[in-house]
């Protein structure tokens, strides 16, 4: 495929993306249209937008590369993604979120929580957590797309990052959530096709399913000594129970992302864009199949890349990628697939990155405009939308700046950090908001603050992967981490902060003044 044809394909894709953003802008007349897409979204568009927002380059490039390091154990994350991220999210959380959101006329996740507990503090504090916590996640998504463009098109990483970000900013700022969801649906469809091709081509290249997996099993003796000492036992088996490798895989990668998805602001708001529960029921099957194809394929291919590289170059994936797991998938695609597929897959990654990035920037802008600015000034309407648009631009600038600064091997870790933070800060309050009328304003605030502060403290002073590079613990206390006894330095913050936040929310709620009955009636109107 010559360069001219490639440029034409990319141009057509970008024009289609901008056109859908334009459609979103033309059909957006007010705040409800800009923030929750008018609450009349088609189930296919909602489900594909949810899935495409959920799955990004961080899942395909970052976690796919991580599977090249950890192996098939990452498929536990796929199981959690489908059961928790789709089934529980849509049926258990989504239906009540939609109804209560409609009852309270909430247009953002923080606004839903704030109105449910009649607390402006909850709304703007949650908005601050989103605006300041999400840039790391947003930047790693940008990095994933730019890395593949760098590898495939042989263009400078900094240039790729800048061009990509400007395009996203253009259609998110003007199109609002409706424009974002229209483009998400198109991008999700492209992603599905691209990943289906990748799975078929990988197994064909390696001699079939059975042969490929047996070859990977037989490579267990090639695990580097350093990794084996940490509990790595091979690419088709779980790490040694309780080892550093086991804690990292289970607590940070699988549990952190698998549970955190329930409280992701840019995903929760999707439930408030449909008019009835029928759309959510229909979305479960669409979303489940989509997530299976996205994460399942990425993790299987990432692990099997070891077989390809060993058979063709006599080495494992991590060594071929020179220690950078984020480069494993791009290198594998360029080495193992035909030129035409490389370009198709680049389009897949662009779609994956754009769909997630656009939703991230929209969520950050909404946090500034709706949840923080309106909470403090009481001003709404066009002025609030203007502040939201400015917030989106600021979010893009921050994410791009971080993209230039962050180190290698950051994509999967950056994603897990934000998912874990959302789980600890929001999930206890969110769950109680939907299902426990006895939850109080003070209980929700106590849980929100506890989950947030414990997570930040654990990352700064105890979790070795972040505490050592940041160096704050070393500067203040003269030691790398506060607790050196295993397994604490490798236990993910969410494993501590989430149950503690749940406990604090429940205990404080039981000890403080109950919510006003009129407020509760308004929230739960129409819910049996």
Protein backbone atom coordinates (compact mmCIF):
# COMPACT_ATOMS: atom_id res chain seq x y z
CA UNK A 1 0.00 0.00 0.00
CA UNK A 2 1.62 3.26 -1.06
CA UNK A 3 1.85 6.36 1.09
CA UNK A 4 -0.71 8.25 -1.01
CA UNK A 5 -3.42 5.64 -0.41
CA UNK A 6 -2.61 5.59 3.32
CA UNK A 7 -2.96 9.35 3.50
CA UNK A 8 -6.30 9.17 1.67
CA UNK A 9 -7.62 6.55 4.13
CA UNK A 10 -6.56 8.59 7.15
CA UNK A 11 -7.98 11.77 5.61
CA UNK A 12 -11.36 10.10 4.97
CA UNK A 13 -11.40 8.81 8.55
CA UNK A 14 -10.57 12.22 10.02
CA UNK A 15 -13.16 13.95 7.82
CA UNK A 16 -15.80 11.44 8.94
CA UNK A 17 -14.82 12.07 12.56
CA UNK A 18 -15.06 15.83 12.18
CA UNK A 19 -18.39 15.48 10.32
CA UNK A 20 -19.90 13.46 13.19
CA UNK A 21 -18.59 16.07 15.61
CA UNK A 22 -20.27 18.71 13.45
CA UNK A 23 -23.53 16.70 13.57
CA UNK A 24 -23.27 16.68 17.33
CA UNK A 25 -22.75 20.45 17.37
CA UNK A 26 -25.72 21.10 15.07
CA UNK A 27 -28.06 19.00 17.20
CA UNK A 28 -26.87 20.41 20.54
CA UNK A 29 -29.11 23.27 21.63
CA UNK A 30 -28.66 23.41 25.42
CA UNK A 31 -26.72 22.10 28.44
CA UNK A 32 -28.65 18.83 28.44
CA UNK A 33 -27.64 18.18 24.85
CA UNK A 34 -24.02 19.14 25.48
CA UNK A 35 -23.60 17.15 28.70
CA UNK A 36 -25.92 14.09 28.39
CA UNK A 37 -26.68 14.00 24.64
CA UNK A 38 -30.35 14.92 25.13
CA UNK A 39 -31.10 11.64 27.02
CA UNK A 40 -32.42 9.92 23.86
CA UNK A 41 -29.41 7.97 22.60
CA UNK A 42 -29.86 4.79 20.54
CA UNK A 43 -28.75 1.61 22.42
CA UNK A 44 -26.13 0.73 19.78
CA UNK A 45 -24.59 4.19 19.96
CA UNK A 46 -24.68 4.14 23.77
CA UNK A 47 -23.17 0.65 24.10
CA UNK A 48 -20.47 1.24 21.48
CA UNK A 49 -19.67 4.63 22.97
CA UNK A 50 -19.40 3.05 26.43
CA UNK A 51 -17.16 0.26 25.12
CA UNK A 52 -15.01 2.51 22.94
CA UNK A 53 -14.56 4.93 25.85
CA UNK A 54 -13.69 2.07 28.19
CA UNK A 55 -11.22 0.45 25.80
CA UNK A 56 -8.45 2.65 24.50
CA UNK A 57 -4.84 2.42 23.40
CA UNK A 58 -4.06 1.87 27.08
CA UNK A 59 -5.92 -1.46 26.83
CA UNK A 60 -4.64 -2.47 23.39
CA UNK A 61 -1.08 -1.12 23.46
CA UNK A 62 -0.45 -0.72 27.20
CA UNK A 63 -2.18 -3.80 28.60
CA UNK A 64 -1.49 -5.81 25.43
CA UNK A 65 2.20 -5.11 26.03
CA UNK A 66 1.74 -5.94 29.72
CA UNK A 67 0.34 -9.33 28.62
CA UNK A 68 3.59 -9.84 26.73
CA UNK A 69 5.24 -9.46 30.11
CA UNK A 70 2.77 -11.23 32.44
CA UNK A 71 1.18 -13.68 30.01
CA UNK A 72 -2.33 -15.14 29.86
CA UNK A 73 -3.03 -14.29 33.50
CA UNK A 74 -4.35 -10.96 32.23
CA UNK A 75 -7.40 -12.77 30.84
CA UNK A 76 -8.80 -12.60 34.38
CA UNK A 77 -9.09 -8.89 33.69
CA UNK A 78 -11.16 -9.62 30.57
CA UNK A 79 -13.51 -11.73 32.70
CA UNK A 80 -13.89 -8.90 35.21
CA UNK A 81 -14.30 -6.34 32.43
CA UNK A 82 -17.28 -8.24 31.03
CA UNK A 83 -18.92 -9.31 34.30
CA UNK A 84 -18.28 -6.14 36.30
CA UNK A 85 -17.69 -3.53 33.58
CA UNK A 86 -20.67 -4.56 31.43
CA UNK A 87 -23.17 -6.81 33.23
CA UNK A 88 -23.04 -5.32 36.72
CA UNK A 89 -22.43 -1.82 35.39
CA UNK A 90 -25.43 -1.84 33.04
CA UNK A 91 -27.93 -3.90 35.04
CA UNK A 92 -27.09 -3.28 38.71
CA UNK A 93 -25.70 0.26 38.50
CA UNK A 94 -26.84 1.59 35.14
CA UNK A 95 -30.60 1.26 35.54
CA UNK A 96 -30.77 3.08 38.86
CA UNK A 97 -28.24 5.65 37.68
CA UNK A 98 -30.40 6.45 34.67
CA UNK A 99 -33.59 6.74 36.71
CA UNK A 100 -32.15 8.77 39.60
CA UNK A 101 -30.26 10.94 37.13
CA UNK A 102 -33.53 11.69 35.36
CA UNK A 103 -35.36 12.31 38.65
CA UNK A 104 -32.72 14.80 39.81
CA UNK A 105 -31.99 16.26 36.36
CA UNK A 106 -28.31 15.44 36.91
CA UNK A 107 -26.01 15.89 33.91
CA UNK A 108 -22.65 14.74 35.31
CA UNK A 109 -21.52 11.99 37.66
CA UNK A 110 -20.49 14.45 40.44
CA UNK A 111 -23.80 16.28 40.05
CA UNK A 112 -25.68 12.99 40.45
CA UNK A 113 -23.83 12.28 43.71
CA UNK A 114 -24.10 15.87 44.92
CA UNK A 115 -27.87 16.06 44.36
CA UNK A 116 -28.47 12.61 45.81
CA UNK A 117 -26.82 13.65 49.08
CA UNK A 118 -27.88 17.31 48.83
CA UNK A 119 -24.25 18.43 49.03
CA UNK A 120 -22.43 20.98 46.89
CA UNK A 121 -19.18 19.88 48.56
CA UNK A 122 -19.56 16.37 47.14
CA UNK A 123 -20.17 17.77 43.67
CA UNK A 124 -17.23 20.14 43.50
CA UNK A 125 -14.80 17.91 45.44
CA UNK A 126 -15.64 15.03 43.06
CA UNK A 127 -15.14 17.44 40.16
CA UNK A 128 -11.70 18.34 41.50
CA UNK A 129 -10.75 14.67 41.86
CA UNK A 130 -11.74 14.08 38.24
CA UNK A 131 -10.05 17.17 36.83
CA UNK A 132 -6.76 16.65 38.67
CA UNK A 133 -6.77 12.83 38.68
CA UNK A 134 -7.69 12.16 35.05
CA UNK A 135 -4.78 13.94 33.24
CA UNK A 136 -2.42 11.01 33.93
CA UNK A 137 -4.93 8.56 32.41
CA UNK A 138 -5.62 10.91 29.49
CA UNK A 139 -1.93 11.37 28.77
CA UNK A 140 -1.17 7.63 28.65
CA UNK A 141 -3.94 7.19 26.08
CA UNK A 142 -2.33 9.90 23.98
CA UNK A 143 1.06 8.22 24.38
CA UNK A 144 -0.33 4.87 23.18
CA UNK A 145 -1.62 6.39 19.94
CA UNK A 146 1.48 8.51 19.35
CA UNK A 147 3.84 5.56 19.95
CA UNK A 148 2.14 3.50 17.26
CA UNK A 149 2.12 6.43 14.82
CA UNK A 150 5.81 6.94 15.57
CA UNK A 151 6.62 3.28 14.90
CA UNK A 152 4.39 2.90 11.83
CA UNK A 153 4.75 6.23 10.03
CA UNK A 154 8.32 6.96 11.14
CA UNK A 155 7.35 10.43 12.34
CA UNK A 156 8.56 12.20 15.45
CA UNK A 157 6.67 11.20 18.62
CA UNK A 158 6.20 14.82 19.70
CA UNK A 159 4.69 15.76 16.33
CA UNK A 160 2.33 12.75 16.36
CA UNK A 161 1.16 13.63 19.87
CA UNK A 162 0.45 17.24 18.98
CA UNK A 163 -1.45 16.56 15.74
CA UNK A 164 -3.59 13.89 17.34
CA UNK A 165 -4.50 16.11 20.30
CA UNK A 166 -5.50 19.11 18.17
CA UNK A 167 -7.94 16.99 16.13
CA UNK A 168 -9.64 15.61 19.24
CA UNK A 169 -9.91 19.01 20.88
CA UNK A 170 -11.63 20.38 17.76
CA UNK A 171 -14.63 18.05 17.79
CA UNK A 172 -14.98 17.64 21.57
CA UNK A 173 -15.05 21.37 22.31
CA UNK A 174 -17.83 22.08 19.82
CA UNK A 175 -19.75 18.80 19.55
CA UNK A 176 -20.30 18.09 23.26
CA UNK A 177 -21.27 14.59 24.43
CA UNK A 178 -23.54 13.98 21.43
CA UNK A 179 -20.65 14.60 19.05
CA UNK A 180 -18.40 12.43 21.22
CA UNK A 181 -20.87 9.53 21.21
CA UNK A 182 -21.48 9.69 17.45
CA UNK A 183 -17.74 9.47 16.77
CA UNK A 184 -17.36 6.79 19.49
CA UNK A 185 -19.84 4.51 17.71
CA UNK A 186 -17.98 4.81 14.41
CA UNK A 187 -14.61 4.38 16.09
CA UNK A 188 -15.81 1.38 18.09
CA UNK A 189 -16.95 -0.35 14.90
CA UNK A 190 -13.52 0.20 13.33
CA UNK A 191 -11.85 -1.15 16.49
CA UNK A 192 -13.97 -4.32 16.41
CA UNK A 193 -13.07 -5.08 12.79
CA UNK A 194 -9.37 -4.39 13.34
CA UNK A 195 -9.09 -6.63 16.41
CA UNK A 196 -10.97 -9.48 14.71
CA UNK A 197 -8.45 -9.37 11.85
CA UNK A 198 -5.55 -9.28 14.32
CA UNK A 199 -6.71 -12.39 16.17
CA UNK A 200 -7.18 -14.40 12.98
CA UNK A 201 -3.83 -13.34 11.53
CA UNK A 202 -1.93 -14.07 14.75
CA UNK A 203 -3.22 -17.63 15.06
CA UNK A 204 -2.72 -18.24 11.34
CA UNK A 205 0.87 -17.01 11.56
CA UNK A 206 1.64 -19.25 14.58
CA UNK A 207 0.10 -22.44 13.22
CA UNK A 208 -3.31 -22.43 14.89
CA UNK A 209 -4.74 -22.10 18.40
CA UNK A 210 -3.43 -25.33 19.93
CA UNK A 211 0.03 -25.10 18.42
CA UNK A 212 0.45 -21.45 19.41
CA UNK A 213 -0.61 -21.94 23.03
CA UNK A 214 1.48 -25.07 23.47
CA UNK A 215 4.51 -23.24 22.14
CA UNK A 216 3.94 -20.47 24.68
CA UNK A 217 3.63 -23.01 27.50
CA UNK A 218 6.91 -24.63 26.45
CA UNK A 219 8.71 -21.29 26.78
CA UNK A 220 8.42 -21.16 30.59
CA UNK A 221 12.17 -21.86 30.95
CA UNK A 222 12.90 -18.59 29.08
CA UNK A 223 11.49 -16.36 31.83
CA UNK A 224 14.31 -13.97 32.83
CA UNK A 225 15.92 -14.82 36.16
CA UNK A 226 15.00 -11.42 37.62
CA UNK A 227 11.31 -11.97 36.87
CA UNK A 228 11.37 -15.58 38.03
CA UNK A 229 12.77 -14.39 41.36
CA UNK A 230 9.69 -12.16 41.71
CA UNK A 231 7.30 -15.06 41.11
CA UNK A 232 6.95 -15.23 37.29
CA UNK A 233 6.35 -18.92 36.40
CA UNK A 234 5.62 -18.68 32.67
CA UNK A 235 3.27 -17.02 30.21
CA UNK A 236 0.42 -19.55 30.51
CA UNK A 237 0.39 -19.90 34.31
CA UNK A 238 -0.31 -17.61 37.24
CA UNK A 239 2.59 -16.19 39.26
CA UNK A 240 3.57 -17.79 42.56
CA UNK A 241 0.87 -16.97 45.10
CA UNK A 242 1.80 -14.04 47.33
CA UNK A 243 4.88 -13.07 45.31
CA UNK A 244 5.66 -9.55 44.06
CA UNK A 245 4.59 -10.61 40.57
CA UNK A 246 1.29 -12.06 41.91
CA UNK A 247 0.40 -8.93 43.88
CA UNK A 248 1.16 -6.68 40.93
CA UNK A 249 -0.93 -8.76 38.53
CA UNK A 250 -3.87 -9.41 40.84
CA UNK A 251 -4.18 -6.27 42.96
CA UNK A 252 -2.99 -3.56 40.56
CA UNK A 253 -3.76 -4.82 37.06
CA UNK A 254 -6.75 -7.15 37.44
CA UNK A 255 -8.57 -5.84 40.53
CA UNK A 256 -7.61 -2.19 40.13
CA UNK A 257 -8.96 -1.87 36.60
CA UNK A 258 -11.61 -4.59 36.81
CA UNK A 259 -13.42 -3.00 39.76
CA UNK A 260 -12.57 0.65 39.13
CA UNK A 261 -14.60 0.67 35.92
CA UNK A 262 -17.83 0.84 37.95
CA UNK A 263 -17.04 4.36 39.13
CA UNK A 264 -15.46 5.89 36.03
CA UNK A 265 -17.16 9.28 35.54
CA UNK A 266 -16.97 9.27 31.73
CA UNK A 267 -18.66 5.82 31.67
CA UNK A 268 -21.33 6.42 34.32
CA UNK A 269 -22.65 9.44 32.43
CA UNK A 270 -23.47 7.16 29.46
CA UNK A 271 -26.28 5.59 31.50
CA UNK A 272 -27.95 8.99 31.76
CA UNK A 273 -28.05 9.43 27.97
CA UNK A 274 -30.79 6.86 27.29
CA UNK A 275 -34.51 7.29 27.89
CA UNK A 276 -35.40 3.85 29.32
CA UNK A 277 -34.00 0.62 30.76
CA UNK A 278 -34.72 -1.19 27.49
CA UNK A 279 -31.72 0.54 25.90
CA UNK A 280 -29.50 -0.66 28.74
CA UNK A 281 -30.73 -4.25 28.43
CA UNK A 282 -29.97 -4.23 24.71
CA UNK A 283 -26.60 -2.67 25.35
CA UNK A 284 -25.38 -5.54 27.57
CA UNK A 285 -24.96 -8.01 24.69
CA UNK A 286 -23.39 -5.41 22.38
CA UNK A 287 -21.02 -4.20 25.09
CA UNK A 288 -20.08 -7.70 26.27
CA UNK A 289 -19.11 -8.92 22.82
CA UNK A 290 -17.19 -5.70 22.16
CA UNK A 291 -15.17 -5.91 25.39
CA UNK A 292 -14.41 -9.60 24.81
CA UNK A 293 -13.06 -8.84 21.37
CA UNK A 294 -11.06 -5.80 22.50
CA UNK A 295 -9.38 -6.94 25.71
CA UNK A 296 -9.40 -10.69 25.05
CA UNK A 297 -7.67 -10.29 21.71
CA UNK A 298 -5.18 -7.71 23.00
CA UNK A 299 -4.14 -9.89 25.94
CA UNK A 300 -3.91 -13.12 23.93
CA UNK A 301 -1.91 -11.49 21.14
CA UNK A 302 0.35 -9.72 23.63
CA UNK A 303 1.20 -13.00 25.34
CA UNK A 304 1.62 -14.89 22.03
CA UNK A 305 3.98 -12.22 20.71
CA UNK A 306 6.62 -14.06 22.77
CA UNK A 307 6.19 -17.12 20.55
CA UNK A 308 6.55 -15.07 17.37
CA UNK A 309 9.67 -13.23 18.49
CA UNK A 310 11.30 -16.38 19.87
CA UNK A 311 10.67 -18.30 16.65
CA UNK A 312 11.81 -15.47 14.35
CA UNK A 313 14.43 -13.64 16.41
CA UNK A 314 15.33 -16.05 19.22
CA UNK A 315 14.22 -13.75 22.03
CA UNK A 316 11.22 -12.87 24.17
CA UNK A 317 9.01 -9.81 23.58
CA UNK A 318 10.34 -7.64 26.41
CA UNK A 319 13.91 -7.99 25.18
CA UNK A 320 12.90 -7.25 21.59
CA UNK A 321 11.15 -4.10 22.87
CA UNK A 322 14.34 -3.20 24.80
CA UNK A 323 12.58 -3.28 28.14
CA UNK A 324 9.66 -1.05 27.14
CA UNK A 325 6.44 -3.08 27.37
CA UNK A 326 4.51 -0.22 25.73
CA UNK A 327 6.38 -0.96 22.48
CA UNK A 328 5.63 -4.71 22.31
CA UNK A 329 2.33 -4.49 20.41
CA UNK A 330 3.50 -1.83 17.89
CA UNK A 331 6.70 -3.81 17.17
CA UNK A 332 4.77 -7.08 16.85
CA UNK A 333 2.22 -5.58 14.44
CA UNK A 334 4.91 -4.08 12.24
CA UNK A 335 6.98 -7.28 12.22
CA UNK A 336 4.30 -9.98 11.99
CA UNK A 337 1.58 -8.58 9.76
CA UNK A 338 1.35 -7.39 6.13
CA UNK A 339 1.75 -3.71 5.33
CA UNK A 340 -1.96 -3.23 4.57
CA UNK A 341 -2.88 -4.55 8.02
CA UNK A 342 -0.34 -2.31 9.74
CA UNK A 343 -2.20 0.69 8.36
CA UNK A 344 -5.59 -0.81 9.20
CA UNK A 345 -4.42 -1.40 12.74
CA UNK A 346 -3.09 2.12 12.99
CA UNK A 347 -6.61 3.28 12.14
CA UNK A 348 -7.91 0.91 14.85
CA UNK A 349 -5.59 2.46 17.40
CA UNK A 350 -6.44 5.98 16.32
CA UNK A 351 -10.12 5.13 16.76
CA UNK A 352 -9.45 3.55 20.17
CA UNK A 353 -7.43 6.50 21.39
CA UNK A 354 -9.77 9.17 20.02
CA UNK A 355 -12.88 7.57 21.48
CA UNK A 356 -11.39 7.41 24.96
CA UNK A 357 -9.55 10.73 24.84
CA UNK A 358 -12.63 12.63 23.69
CA UNK A 359 -14.66 11.26 26.60
CA UNK A 360 -11.87 11.99 29.08
CA UNK A 361 -11.59 15.59 27.95
CA UNK A 362 -15.37 16.01 27.97
CA UNK A 363 -15.51 14.63 31.54
CA UNK A 364 -12.76 16.99 32.69
CA UNK A 365 -14.38 19.98 31.01
CA UNK A 366 -17.76 19.09 32.53
CA UNK A 367 -16.12 18.81 35.96
CA UNK A 368 -14.79 22.36 35.64
CA UNK A 369 -17.87 23.94 34.03
CA UNK A 370 -20.78 22.12 35.60
CA UNK A 371 -19.45 20.71 38.88
CA UNK A 372 -16.98 23.35 40.04
CA UNK A 373 -17.86 26.64 38.31
CA UNK A 374 -21.64 26.31 38.66
CA UNK A 375 -21.36 25.06 42.25
CA UNK A 376 -19.48 28.17 43.31
CA UNK A 377 -21.07 30.86 41.10
CA UNK A 378 -24.64 29.51 40.65
CA UNK A 379 -24.41 30.63 37.02
CA UNK A 380 -25.74 28.29 34.36
CA UNK A 381 -26.54 28.15 30.66
CA UNK A 382 -24.24 29.53 27.98
CA UNK A 383 -21.65 30.87 30.43
CA UNK A 384 -21.27 27.44 32.03
CA UNK A 385 -20.86 25.79 28.62
CA UNK A 386 -18.16 28.33 27.74
CA UNK A 387 -16.27 27.47 30.92
CA UNK A 388 -16.71 23.77 30.11
CA UNK A 389 -15.16 24.32 26.68
CA UNK A 390 -12.27 26.24 28.19
CA UNK A 391 -11.85 23.39 30.71
CA UNK A 392 -11.63 20.90 27.84
CA UNK A 393 -8.85 22.93 26.20
CA UNK A 394 -6.96 23.16 29.50
CA UNK A 395 -7.33 19.38 29.96
CA UNK A 396 -5.89 18.78 26.48
CA UNK A 397 -2.90 21.02 27.18
CA UNK A 398 -2.16 19.27 30.50
CA UNK A 399 -2.45 15.80 28.94
CA UNK A 400 -0.14 16.74 26.06
CA UNK A 401 2.42 18.23 28.47
CA UNK A 402 2.39 15.05 30.55
CA UNK A 403 2.69 12.99 27.37
CA UNK A 404 6.03 14.65 26.68
CA UNK A 405 7.24 14.19 30.26
CA UNK A 406 6.14 10.72 31.36
CA UNK A 407 8.61 7.78 31.29
CA UNK A 408 8.40 4.49 29.40
CA UNK A 409 6.25 1.57 30.59
CA UNK A 410 3.66 4.02 31.93
CA UNK A 411 0.53 3.24 29.88
CA UNK A 412 -0.89 0.30 31.88
CA UNK A 413 0.23 1.72 35.22
CA UNK A 414 -1.23 5.17 34.53
CA UNK A 415 -4.57 3.59 33.62
CA UNK A 416 -4.61 1.42 36.76
CA UNK A 417 -3.83 4.44 38.97
CA UNK A 418 -6.86 6.42 37.81
CA UNK A 419 -9.20 3.40 37.86
CA UNK A 420 -8.09 2.64 41.42
CA UNK A 421 -8.53 6.24 42.53
CA UNK A 422 -12.09 6.35 41.14
CA UNK A 423 -12.96 3.07 42.84
CA UNK A 424 -11.71 4.20 46.26
CA UNK A 425 -13.12 7.73 46.08
CA UNK A 426 -16.46 7.19 44.37
CA UNK A 427 -17.61 3.55 44.43
CA UNK A 428 -18.72 3.30 48.10
CA UNK A 429 -20.65 6.60 47.93
CA UNK A 430 -22.05 5.73 44.48
CA UNK A 431 -23.22 2.26 45.55
CA UNK A 432 -24.86 3.60 48.71
CA UNK A 433 -26.45 6.43 46.74
CA UNK A 434 -28.23 3.92 44.52
CA UNK A 435 -29.21 1.24 47.01
CA UNK A 436 -29.16 2.49 50.62
CA UNK A 437 -31.56 5.20 51.72
CA UNK A 438 -29.82 5.18 55.10
CA UNK A 439 -26.63 6.64 53.62
CA UNK A 440 -26.19 10.20 54.85
CA UNK A 441 -24.51 13.33 53.54
CA UNK A 442 -21.79 13.14 56.21
CA UNK A 443 -21.23 9.45 55.54
CA UNK A 444 -20.80 10.05 51.82
CA UNK A 445 -18.40 12.95 52.41
CA UNK A 446 -16.37 10.94 54.91
CA UNK A 447 -16.05 8.02 52.49
CA UNK A 448 -15.17 10.27 49.55
CA UNK A 449 -12.43 12.11 51.42
CA UNK A 450 -11.09 8.92 53.04
CA UNK A 451 -10.86 7.02 49.76
CA UNK A 452 -9.15 9.92 48.01
CA UNK A 453 -6.62 10.73 50.75
CA UNK A 454 -5.71 7.12 51.56
CA UNK A 455 -5.11 6.42 47.86
CA UNK A 456 -2.86 9.47 47.44
CA UNK A 457 -0.99 8.70 50.68
CA UNK A 458 -0.41 5.07 49.66
CA UNK A 459 0.98 6.07 46.27
CA UNK A 460 3.30 8.68 47.78
CA UNK A 461 4.62 6.76 50.78
CA UNK A 462 4.01 3.00 50.49
CA UNK A 463 3.42 1.65 46.95
CA UNK A 464 6.96 1.18 45.70
CA UNK A 465 6.25 1.52 41.97
CA UNK A 466 5.17 5.16 42.44
CA UNK A 467 6.74 6.18 45.77
CA UNK A 468 10.33 5.52 44.68
CA UNK A 469 10.23 7.47 41.36
CA UNK A 470 8.35 10.37 42.96
CA UNK A 471 10.84 10.56 45.81
CA UNK A 472 8.55 12.46 48.22
CA UNK A 473 8.85 9.80 50.93
CA UNK A 474 12.65 9.81 50.49
CA UNK A 475 12.80 13.60 50.74
CA UNK A 476 10.60 13.85 53.85
CA UNK A 477 11.48 10.68 55.75
CA UNK A 478 14.84 9.62 54.34
CA UNK A 479 13.61 6.22 53.08
CA UNK A 480 12.17 4.97 49.79
CA UNK A 481 8.91 3.71 51.30
CA UNK A 482 7.33 3.99 54.72
CA UNK A 483 6.73 0.24 55.10
CA UNK A 484 9.28 -2.22 53.72
CA UNK A 485 7.81 -5.48 54.99
CA UNK A 486 6.26 -7.60 52.22
CA UNK A 487 3.71 -7.59 50.74
CA UNK A 488 2.77 -3.95 51.60
CA UNK A 489 5.08 -2.19 49.09
CA UNK A 490 3.42 -4.09 46.23
CA UNK A 491 -0.20 -4.06 47.45
CA UNK A 492 -2.22 -1.68 45.29
CA UNK A 493 -3.71 1.32 47.14
CA UNK A 494 -7.23 0.35 46.05
CA UNK A 495 -7.01 -2.87 48.09
CA UNK A 496 -6.70 -0.75 51.24
CA UNK A 497 -8.55 2.45 50.36
CA UNK A 498 -11.71 0.89 48.87
CA UNK A 499 -12.76 -1.30 51.84
CA UNK A 500 -11.76 1.47 54.26
CA UNK A 501 -13.86 4.00 52.33
CA UNK A 502 -16.84 1.61 52.35
CA UNK A 503 -16.47 1.06 56.11
CA UNK A 504 -16.20 4.77 56.87
CA UNK A 505 -19.23 5.58 54.68
CA UNK A 506 -21.39 3.00 56.46
CA UNK A 507 -20.23 3.75 60.03
CA UNK A 508 -20.54 7.53 59.72
CA UNK A 509 -23.95 7.18 58.03
CA UNK A 510 -25.20 5.10 60.94
CA UNK A 511 -24.00 7.72 63.42
CA UNK A 512 -25.23 10.91 61.71
CA UNK A 513 -28.49 12.61 60.84
CA UNK A 514 -30.56 10.86 58.19
CA UNK A 515 -31.38 12.42 54.83
CA UNK A 516 -34.54 14.46 54.39
CA UNK A 517 -37.44 12.19 53.41
CA UNK A 518 -38.57 14.57 50.68
CA UNK A 519 -35.12 14.43 49.07
CA UNK A 520 -35.15 10.63 49.19
CA UNK A 521 -38.64 10.46 47.68
CA UNK A 522 -37.53 12.66 44.81
CA UNK A 523 -34.41 10.54 44.23
CA UNK A 524 -36.12 7.15 44.28
CA UNK A 525 -39.38 8.11 42.57
CA UNK A 526 -40.40 5.30 40.22
CA UNK A 527 -37.87 2.81 41.67
CA UNK A 528 -39.30 -0.28 43.31
